[in-house]
Amino acid sequence: MNDKNHKKNELREISRKIELEFDNFQSSLFSKEAFTTLKLKTKSYVSIQFSEALNISRRHQADNVSASHVERANEQLIQISKNRIVSHLSTIGSILLGVSLSNIINMTVTEQYSNIGIFISAGFGIVGAFSIALNFKK
């Protein structure tokens, strides 16, 4: 329990220092709302980075968080974001491939072929297969 309070206190201190740095910084590049959003997002990212680095050091049973733990936490956070995008692309690709196959089967069963239908179905199939393949590239 004491360890959790210590971590919370350190995170609060880091957050306070970030707030002080932002208060001392004056920028004409940002609107007031944009600058407030930047502060919130920065504090949120630092909090997530802090927690992730602590988790990694705990997994390695280290006494302190090292620079390599922070680097690894950053890499994992970036990778999570990329994986989320690839996952969404894979889902969209599956839908497109399903639409394509469904349309091709429907044209075959009803024996009603049209050039535009064939091209659209083939296009959806190619885009869908490519999007699914991106997921396997990892």
Protein backbone atom coordinates (compact mmCIF):
# COMPACT_ATOMS: atom_id res chain seq x y z
CA MET A 1 0.00 0.00 0.00
CA ASN A 2 2.85 2.37 0.86
CA ASP A 3 4.42 1.65 -2.53
CA LYS A 4 1.22 2.70 -4.32
CA ASN A 5 1.06 5.96 -2.34
CA HIS A 6 4.70 6.65 -3.16
CA LYS A 7 4.03 6.14 -6.87
CA LYS A 8 0.95 8.36 -6.74
CA ASN A 9 2.93 11.07 -4.97
CA GLU A 10 5.71 10.90 -7.54
CA LEU A 11 3.22 11.05 -10.38
CA ARG A 12 1.52 14.06 -8.75
CA GLU A 13 4.91 15.76 -8.42
CA ILE A 14 5.71 15.13 -12.08
CA SER A 15 2.28 16.40 -13.06
CA ARG A 16 2.80 19.53 -10.94
CA LYS A 17 6.17 20.18 -12.61
CA ILE A 18 4.62 19.79 -16.06
CA GLU A 19 1.91 22.26 -15.07
CA LEU A 20 4.56 24.75 -13.89
CA GLU A 21 6.50 24.40 -17.14
CA PHE A 22 3.37 25.03 -19.17
CA ASP A 23 2.46 28.02 -16.99
CA ASN A 24 5.88 29.55 -17.70
CA PHE A 25 5.54 28.95 -21.43
CA GLN A 26 3.76 31.54 -23.54
CA SER A 27 2.93 30.64 -27.09
CA SER A 28 1.24 32.67 -29.75
CA LEU A 29 1.09 29.57 -31.96
CA PHE A 30 -1.72 27.96 -29.94
CA SER A 31 -5.19 29.21 -29.20
CA LYS A 32 -6.18 29.17 -25.53
CA GLU A 33 -8.30 26.05 -26.03
CA ALA A 34 -5.56 24.28 -28.00
CA PHE A 35 -2.97 25.10 -25.34
CA THR A 36 -5.25 23.75 -22.60
CA THR A 37 -5.81 20.57 -24.62
CA LEU A 38 -2.05 20.24 -25.18
CA LYS A 39 -1.45 20.47 -21.43
CA LEU A 40 -4.07 17.82 -20.68
CA LYS A 41 -2.82 15.44 -23.36
CA THR A 42 0.79 15.87 -22.26
CA LYS A 43 -0.08 15.14 -18.63
CA SER A 44 -2.11 12.12 -19.70
CA TYR A 45 0.70 10.75 -21.86
CA VAL A 46 3.27 11.25 -19.10
CA SER A 47 1.00 9.45 -16.66
CA ILE A 48 0.58 6.49 -19.03
CA GLN A 49 4.33 6.43 -19.78
CA PHE A 50 5.10 6.56 -16.04
CA SER A 51 2.77 3.64 -15.27
CA GLU A 52 4.01 1.55 -18.18
CA ALA A 53 7.68 2.07 -17.25
CA LEU A 54 6.89 1.06 -13.65
CA ASN A 55 5.12 -2.08 -14.87
CA ILE A 56 8.08 -3.05 -17.05
CA SER A 57 10.57 -2.53 -14.22
CA ARG A 58 8.33 -4.60 -11.95
CA ARG A 59 8.23 -7.41 -14.54
CA HIS A 60 12.03 -7.36 -14.65
CA GLN A 61 12.09 -7.34 -10.84
CA ALA A 62 14.27 -4.23 -10.84
CA ASP A 63 14.67 -1.99 -7.83
CA ASN A 64 14.46 1.19 -9.91
CA VAL A 65 13.11 2.21 -13.29
CA SER A 66 15.99 2.42 -15.75
CA ALA A 67 16.26 4.35 -19.00
CA SER A 68 15.79 1.12 -20.93
CA HIS A 69 12.48 0.55 -19.11
CA VAL A 70 11.29 4.00 -20.15
CA GLU A 71 12.40 3.38 -23.76
CA ARG A 72 10.63 0.03 -23.82
CA ALA A 73 7.47 1.60 -22.37
CA ASN A 74 7.54 4.22 -25.10
CA GLU A 75 8.00 1.57 -27.80
CA GLN A 76 5.09 -0.44 -26.39
CA LEU A 77 2.81 2.60 -26.31
CA ILE A 78 3.66 3.39 -29.92
CA GLN A 79 3.17 -0.25 -30.91
CA ILE A 80 -0.23 -0.38 -29.19
CA SER A 81 -1.35 2.60 -31.27
CA LYS A 82 -0.11 1.00 -34.49
CA ASN A 83 -1.72 -2.33 -33.61
CA ARG A 84 -5.04 -0.60 -33.06
CA ILE A 85 -4.92 0.94 -36.54
CA VAL A 86 -3.90 -2.35 -38.17
CA SER A 87 -6.67 -4.13 -36.27
CA HIS A 88 -9.26 -1.72 -37.61
CA LEU A 89 -7.89 -2.08 -41.14
CA SER A 90 -8.06 -5.85 -40.81
CA THR A 91 -11.69 -5.65 -39.70
CA ILE A 92 -12.61 -3.41 -42.62
CA GLY A 93 -10.69 -5.75 -44.94
CA SER A 94 -12.63 -8.76 -43.67
CA ILE A 95 -15.89 -6.96 -44.31
CA LEU A 96 -14.84 -5.96 -47.84
CA LEU A 97 -13.65 -9.47 -48.64
CA GLY A 98 -16.92 -10.89 -47.32
CA VAL A 99 -18.93 -8.44 -49.42
CA SER A 100 -16.86 -9.35 -52.46
CA LEU A 101 -17.29 -13.10 -52.02
CA SER A 102 -20.99 -12.72 -51.26
CA ASN A 103 -21.49 -10.67 -54.41
CA ILE A 104 -19.53 -13.13 -56.57
CA ILE A 105 -21.52 -16.08 -55.20
CA ASN A 106 -24.76 -14.19 -55.76
CA MET A 107 -23.82 -13.41 -59.39
CA THR A 108 -22.87 -17.05 -59.95
CA VAL A 109 -26.06 -18.49 -58.45
CA THR A 110 -28.38 -16.07 -60.27
CA GLU A 111 -26.27 -16.22 -63.44
CA GLN A 112 -26.52 -12.43 -63.76
CA TYR A 113 -23.10 -11.04 -64.53
CA SER A 114 -22.32 -7.42 -65.25
CA ASN A 115 -18.95 -5.92 -65.99
CA ILE A 116 -19.32 -3.25 -63.32
CA GLY A 117 -20.40 -5.86 -60.75
CA ILE A 118 -17.39 -8.03 -61.52
CA PHE A 119 -14.97 -5.08 -61.28
CA ILE A 120 -16.47 -3.79 -58.05
CA SER A 121 -16.44 -7.25 -56.47
CA ALA A 122 -12.87 -7.87 -57.59
CA GLY A 123 -11.83 -4.43 -56.27
CA PHE A 124 -13.43 -5.06 -52.88
CA GLY A 125 -11.78 -8.49 -52.78
CA ILE A 126 -8.32 -7.12 -53.56
CA VAL A 127 -8.58 -4.24 -51.08
CA GLY A 128 -10.03 -6.58 -48.43
CA ALA A 129 -7.32 -9.21 -48.90
CA PHE A 130 -4.61 -6.54 -48.78
CA SER A 131 -6.04 -5.07 -45.55
CA ILE A 132 -6.15 -8.51 -43.94
CA ALA A 133 -2.59 -9.21 -45.10
CA LEU A 134 -1.37 -6.07 -43.28
CA ASN A 135 -2.37 -7.74 -40.04
CA PHE A 136 -0.09 -10.69 -40.77
CA LYS A 137 2.87 -8.43 -41.63
CA LYS A 138 3.56 -7.82 -37.95
